[in-house]
Amino acid sequence: TRMSTWNYAIDLGMYPLGSCTMKYNPRVNEAVARVEGIANGHPYQPEKISQGALRIIKTLSECLIEITGMDAI
């Protein structure tokens, strides 16, 4: 509704103030970060358990390579 747009909302634009820890994070990033297997991940967990996170990273890398036309990311 029109009234709902009177207050600032991250969905309506970027808030340019704040420290580097207050960057704009698209909703899709937040959704992925909340996936149980990702949210509970730890750098020292076994590779076998980390395959989902590694797949996300690989897929993102492939998408960025295709979008940018670069040879590698």
N, C-alpha and C. Protein backbone atom coordinates (compact mmCIF):
# COMPACT_ATOMS: atom_id res chain seq x y z
N THR A 1 0.84 -1.19 0.00
CA THR A 1 0.00 0.00 0.00
C THR A 1 0.88 1.24 0.00
N ARG A 2 0.26 2.36 -0.32
CA ARG A 2 1.01 3.62 -0.37
C ARG A 2 1.59 3.96 0.98
N MET A 3 0.83 3.76 2.04
CA MET A 3 1.31 4.11 3.38
C MET A 3 2.53 3.28 3.77
N SER A 4 2.57 2.03 3.31
CA SER A 4 3.70 1.17 3.67
C SER A 4 5.01 1.65 3.04
N THR A 5 4.94 2.48 2.02
CA THR A 5 6.16 2.97 1.38
C THR A 5 6.68 4.25 2.02
N TRP A 6 5.97 4.80 2.97
CA TRP A 6 6.41 6.04 3.62
C TRP A 6 7.64 5.80 4.49
N ASN A 7 7.75 4.64 5.07
CA ASN A 7 8.93 4.30 5.87
C ASN A 7 9.96 3.65 4.97
N TYR A 8 11.21 3.78 5.37
CA TYR A 8 12.27 3.16 4.60
C TYR A 8 12.14 1.64 4.66
N ALA A 9 12.37 1.00 3.55
CA ALA A 9 12.37 -0.47 3.49
C ALA A 9 13.48 -0.90 2.54
N ILE A 10 14.22 -1.89 2.92
CA ILE A 10 15.33 -2.37 2.11
C ILE A 10 14.87 -2.84 0.74
N ASP A 11 13.60 -3.25 0.63
CA ASP A 11 13.07 -3.69 -0.65
C ASP A 11 12.87 -2.54 -1.63
N LEU A 12 12.85 -1.31 -1.11
CA LEU A 12 12.57 -0.15 -1.96
C LEU A 12 13.81 0.62 -2.36
N GLY A 13 14.94 0.31 -1.79
CA GLY A 13 16.15 1.03 -2.15
C GLY A 13 17.28 0.72 -1.21
N MET A 14 18.44 1.30 -1.52
CA MET A 14 19.62 1.05 -0.71
C MET A 14 19.79 2.17 0.31
N TYR A 15 20.23 1.82 1.49
CA TYR A 15 20.51 2.81 2.53
C TYR A 15 22.01 3.04 2.51
N PRO A 16 22.48 4.19 2.02
CA PRO A 16 23.90 4.38 1.78
C PRO A 16 24.75 4.68 3.00
N LEU A 17 24.16 4.81 4.17
CA LEU A 17 24.92 5.15 5.36
C LEU A 17 25.27 3.90 6.15
N GLY A 18 26.23 4.01 7.04
CA GLY A 18 26.57 2.89 7.91
C GLY A 18 27.94 2.34 7.60
N SER A 19 28.37 1.44 8.43
CA SER A 19 29.70 0.86 8.27
C SER A 19 29.66 -0.25 7.23
N CYS A 20 30.80 -0.83 6.99
CA CYS A 20 30.88 -1.89 5.99
C CYS A 20 30.10 -3.13 6.41
N THR A 21 29.74 -3.23 7.67
CA THR A 21 28.96 -4.38 8.13
C THR A 21 27.48 -4.18 7.90
N MET A 22 27.09 -3.03 7.41
CA MET A 22 25.67 -2.73 7.20
C MET A 22 25.33 -2.65 5.72
N LYS A 23 25.99 -3.44 4.90
CA LYS A 23 25.76 -3.43 3.46
C LYS A 23 24.38 -3.98 3.13
N TYR A 24 23.93 -3.64 1.95
CA TYR A 24 22.67 -4.18 1.45
C TYR A 24 22.87 -5.65 1.11
N ASN A 25 22.02 -6.48 1.65
CA ASN A 25 22.04 -7.91 1.34
C ASN A 25 20.69 -8.29 0.75
N PRO A 26 20.66 -8.69 -0.52
CA PRO A 26 19.39 -9.08 -1.12
C PRO A 26 18.72 -10.20 -0.33
N ARG A 27 17.41 -10.27 -0.43
CA ARG A 27 16.66 -11.29 0.31
C ARG A 27 17.11 -12.71 -0.03
N VAL A 28 17.52 -12.94 -1.27
CA VAL A 28 17.95 -14.29 -1.63
C VAL A 28 19.18 -14.68 -0.81
N ASN A 29 20.08 -13.74 -0.55
CA ASN A 29 21.26 -14.04 0.27
C ASN A 29 20.84 -14.44 1.68
N GLU A 30 19.89 -13.70 2.22
CA GLU A 30 19.41 -14.00 3.57
C GLU A 30 18.74 -15.37 3.61
N ALA A 31 17.98 -15.69 2.57
CA ALA A 31 17.30 -16.99 2.52
C ALA A 31 18.32 -18.13 2.49
N VAL A 32 19.35 -17.99 1.68
CA VAL A 32 20.38 -19.04 1.59
C VAL A 32 21.13 -19.15 2.91
N ALA A 33 21.44 -18.03 3.53
CA ALA A 33 22.18 -18.05 4.80
C ALA A 33 21.40 -18.72 5.92
N ARG A 34 20.07 -18.74 5.80
CA ARG A 34 19.24 -19.35 6.85
C ARG A 34 18.97 -20.84 6.64
N VAL A 35 19.37 -21.38 5.49
CA VAL A 35 19.18 -22.81 5.25
C VAL A 35 19.93 -23.56 6.34
N GLU A 36 19.27 -24.52 6.96
CA GLU A 36 19.82 -25.20 8.14
C GLU A 36 21.25 -25.69 7.95
N GLY A 37 21.51 -26.37 6.87
CA GLY A 37 22.85 -26.91 6.64
C GLY A 37 23.91 -25.84 6.42
N ILE A 38 23.50 -24.68 5.95
CA ILE A 38 24.43 -23.58 5.72
C ILE A 38 24.63 -22.79 7.00
N ALA A 39 23.53 -22.47 7.66
CA ALA A 39 23.59 -21.64 8.87
C ALA A 39 24.40 -22.31 9.98
N ASN A 40 24.39 -23.62 10.02
CA ASN A 40 25.10 -24.34 11.07
C ASN A 40 26.49 -24.81 10.63
N GLY A 41 26.92 -24.36 9.47
CA GLY A 41 28.21 -24.79 8.95
C GLY A 41 29.37 -24.27 9.78
N HIS A 42 30.48 -24.98 9.70
CA HIS A 42 31.68 -24.61 10.45
C HIS A 42 32.89 -24.88 9.57
N PRO A 43 33.89 -24.01 9.59
CA PRO A 43 35.06 -24.21 8.72
C PRO A 43 35.79 -25.53 8.93
N TYR A 44 35.69 -26.10 10.11
CA TYR A 44 36.42 -27.33 10.39
C TYR A 44 35.57 -28.59 10.27
N GLN A 45 34.35 -28.47 9.74
CA GLN A 45 33.55 -29.68 9.58
C GLN A 45 34.09 -30.49 8.41
N PRO A 46 33.85 -31.80 8.40
CA PRO A 46 34.38 -32.67 7.34
C PRO A 46 33.89 -32.25 5.95
N GLU A 47 34.72 -32.50 4.93
CA GLU A 47 34.36 -32.17 3.55
C GLU A 47 33.04 -32.80 3.14
N LYS A 48 32.80 -34.01 3.58
CA LYS A 48 31.58 -34.73 3.21
C LYS A 48 30.34 -33.94 3.61
N ILE A 49 30.40 -33.27 4.74
CA ILE A 49 29.26 -32.50 5.24
C ILE A 49 29.17 -31.14 4.54
N SER A 50 30.25 -30.67 3.98
CA SER A 50 30.32 -29.33 3.37
C SER A 50 29.92 -29.30 1.90
N GLN A 51 29.50 -30.40 1.34
CA GLN A 51 29.24 -30.47 -0.10
C GLN A 51 28.15 -29.50 -0.56
N GLY A 52 27.13 -29.29 0.24
CA GLY A 52 26.06 -28.36 -0.14
C GLY A 52 26.58 -26.94 -0.27
N ALA A 53 27.37 -26.51 0.69
CA ALA A 53 27.95 -25.16 0.65
C ALA A 53 28.90 -25.02 -0.54
N LEU A 54 29.69 -26.05 -0.78
CA LEU A 54 30.62 -26.02 -1.91
C LEU A 54 29.87 -25.96 -3.24
N ARG A 55 28.73 -26.63 -3.31
CA ARG A 55 27.92 -26.59 -4.53
C ARG A 55 27.36 -25.19 -4.76
N ILE A 56 26.92 -24.53 -3.70
CA ILE A 56 26.42 -23.16 -3.82
C ILE A 56 27.52 -22.25 -4.34
N ILE A 57 28.71 -22.37 -3.79
CA ILE A 57 29.84 -21.54 -4.21
C ILE A 57 30.19 -21.80 -5.67
N LYS A 58 30.21 -23.07 -6.07
CA LYS A 58 30.54 -23.43 -7.46
C LYS A 58 29.47 -22.90 -8.41
N THR A 59 28.21 -23.05 -8.06
CA THR A 59 27.12 -22.57 -8.92
C THR A 59 27.18 -21.05 -9.06
N LEU A 60 27.40 -20.36 -7.95
CA LEU A 60 27.52 -18.90 -8.01
C LEU A 60 28.69 -18.49 -8.90
N SER A 61 29.81 -19.17 -8.75
CA SER A 61 30.98 -18.88 -9.57
C SER A 61 30.67 -19.06 -11.06
N GLU A 62 30.00 -20.16 -11.40
CA GLU A 62 29.64 -20.42 -12.80
C GLU A 62 28.70 -19.34 -13.34
N CYS A 63 27.75 -18.92 -12.52
CA CYS A 63 26.81 -17.87 -12.94
C CYS A 63 27.54 -16.55 -13.17
N LEU A 64 28.45 -16.20 -12.27
CA LEU A 64 29.19 -14.95 -12.41
C LEU A 64 30.10 -14.97 -13.64
N ILE A 65 30.70 -16.12 -13.92
CA ILE A 65 31.53 -16.27 -15.12
C ILE A 65 30.69 -16.04 -16.37
N GLU A 66 29.50 -16.63 -16.39
CA GLU A 66 28.62 -16.47 -17.55
C GLU A 66 28.14 -15.03 -17.70
N ILE A 67 27.75 -14.41 -16.60
CA ILE A 67 27.24 -13.04 -16.64
C ILE A 67 28.31 -12.05 -17.06
N THR A 68 29.51 -12.21 -16.52
CA THR A 68 30.58 -11.23 -16.77
C THR A 68 31.38 -11.52 -18.03
N GLY A 69 31.33 -12.75 -18.52
CA GLY A 69 32.13 -13.12 -19.68
C GLY A 69 33.59 -13.37 -19.35
N MET A 70 33.90 -13.44 -18.06
CA MET A 70 35.29 -13.69 -17.65
C MET A 70 35.61 -15.17 -17.79
N ASP A 71 36.88 -15.49 -17.80
CA ASP A 71 37.31 -16.89 -17.91
C ASP A 71 37.18 -17.62 -16.58
N ALA A 72 37.36 -16.90 -15.49
CA ALA A 72 37.30 -17.51 -14.16
C ALA A 72 36.97 -16.44 -13.13
N ILE A 73 36.53 -16.89 -11.99
CA ILE A 73 36.23 -15.99 -10.87
C ILE A 73 37.14 -16.36 -9.72
